[in-house]
Protein backbone atom coordinates (compact mmCIF):
# COMPACT_ATOMS: atom_id res chain seq x y z
CA MET A 1 61.41 -116.22 98.06
CA LEU A 2 60.92 -117.00 94.39
CA GLU A 3 58.22 -114.36 93.98
CA ALA A 4 60.39 -111.78 95.73
CA ALA A 5 63.28 -112.61 93.42
CA LEU A 6 61.07 -112.23 90.34
CA ALA A 7 59.91 -108.86 91.67
CA ARG A 8 63.56 -107.89 92.29
CA LEU A 9 62.95 -107.34 95.99
CA PRO A 10 65.69 -107.73 98.58
CA ILE A 11 65.39 -111.01 100.43
CA PHE A 12 66.28 -111.67 104.06
CA CYS A 13 65.77 -115.16 105.41
CA ALA A 14 66.81 -117.59 108.11
CA ASP A 15 70.10 -119.35 107.58
CA LEU A 16 68.58 -122.76 106.74
CA PRO A 17 69.93 -125.34 104.29
CA ALA A 18 66.75 -125.31 102.18
CA PHE A 19 67.08 -121.57 101.61
CA HIS A 20 70.78 -121.92 100.71
CA GLU A 21 69.82 -124.58 98.18
CA THR A 22 67.39 -122.21 96.48
CA ALA A 23 68.91 -118.77 96.93
CA ARG A 24 72.61 -119.56 97.33
CA THR A 25 74.41 -116.22 97.80
CA HIS A 26 71.68 -113.97 96.40
CA VAL A 27 69.95 -113.24 99.72
CA ARG A 28 70.90 -111.91 103.14
CA TYR A 29 70.79 -114.55 105.83
CA PHE A 30 70.26 -114.20 109.56
CA THR A 31 70.76 -116.86 112.18
CA ARG A 32 67.75 -118.35 113.91
CA ASP A 33 69.03 -117.14 117.28
CA GLU A 34 69.64 -113.56 116.14
CA ALA A 35 67.56 -111.04 118.07
CA PRO A 36 64.53 -109.74 116.13
CA ASN A 37 65.56 -106.13 116.72
CA ALA A 38 69.02 -106.88 115.27
CA ILE A 39 67.42 -108.44 112.18
CA ALA A 40 65.11 -105.44 111.82
CA ALA A 41 68.09 -103.08 112.14
CA ARG A 42 69.97 -104.95 109.41
CA ILE A 43 66.97 -104.76 107.09
CA ALA A 44 66.45 -101.05 107.82
CA ASP A 45 70.15 -100.35 107.24
CA TYR A 46 70.10 -102.22 103.96
CA LEU A 47 67.04 -100.35 102.71
CA ALA A 48 68.41 -96.98 103.86
CA ASN A 49 71.52 -97.56 101.76
CA ASP A 50 69.98 -99.23 98.71
CA SER A 51 69.68 -96.69 95.88
CA VAL A 52 67.09 -98.74 93.98
CA TYR A 53 64.84 -98.93 97.05
CA GLN A 54 65.33 -95.22 97.76
CA PHE A 55 64.40 -94.31 94.19
CA LYS A 56 61.33 -96.53 94.36
CA GLN A 57 60.22 -94.78 97.56
CA ARG A 58 60.76 -91.36 95.96
CA VAL A 59 58.68 -92.33 92.93
CA ARG A 60 55.87 -93.58 95.16
CA ARG A 61 55.97 -90.41 97.24
CA GLU A 62 56.37 -87.81 94.50
CA PHE A 63 54.48 -89.33 91.60
CA SER A 64 51.30 -90.65 93.18
CA TRP A 65 48.04 -89.98 91.36
CA GLU A 66 46.89 -87.90 94.32
CA ARG A 67 49.92 -85.63 94.10
CA ILE A 68 49.78 -85.36 90.30
CA PHE A 69 46.12 -84.38 90.54
CA ALA A 70 46.69 -81.85 93.32
CA GLU A 71 49.70 -80.20 91.69
CA CYS A 72 48.91 -80.44 87.98
CA LEU A 73 45.25 -81.12 87.24
CA GLU A 74 43.36 -79.42 90.04
CA PRO A 75 44.96 -76.00 89.32
CA LEU A 76 43.82 -76.30 85.71
CA ALA A 77 40.25 -76.88 86.83
CA GLN A 78 40.37 -73.91 89.22
CA ASP A 79 41.59 -71.58 86.47
CA ALA A 80 38.63 -72.46 84.27
């Protein structure tokens, strides 16, 4: 939880007193009896609507070294 907070990642955790003591209101809690598919749906919904996460995914997708090479560098080498 602490490492995720330092990395500015969203945190989802069980609704346990120890987690409340550490994270207070800065995380998303789920009950221990909540169905796993319901928890997964909440996480997916959060990520689908989080602009920071969406931007991060776009950067990873569009600015990978493989894509930069294929679109920018490889054509230069072929023209030579």
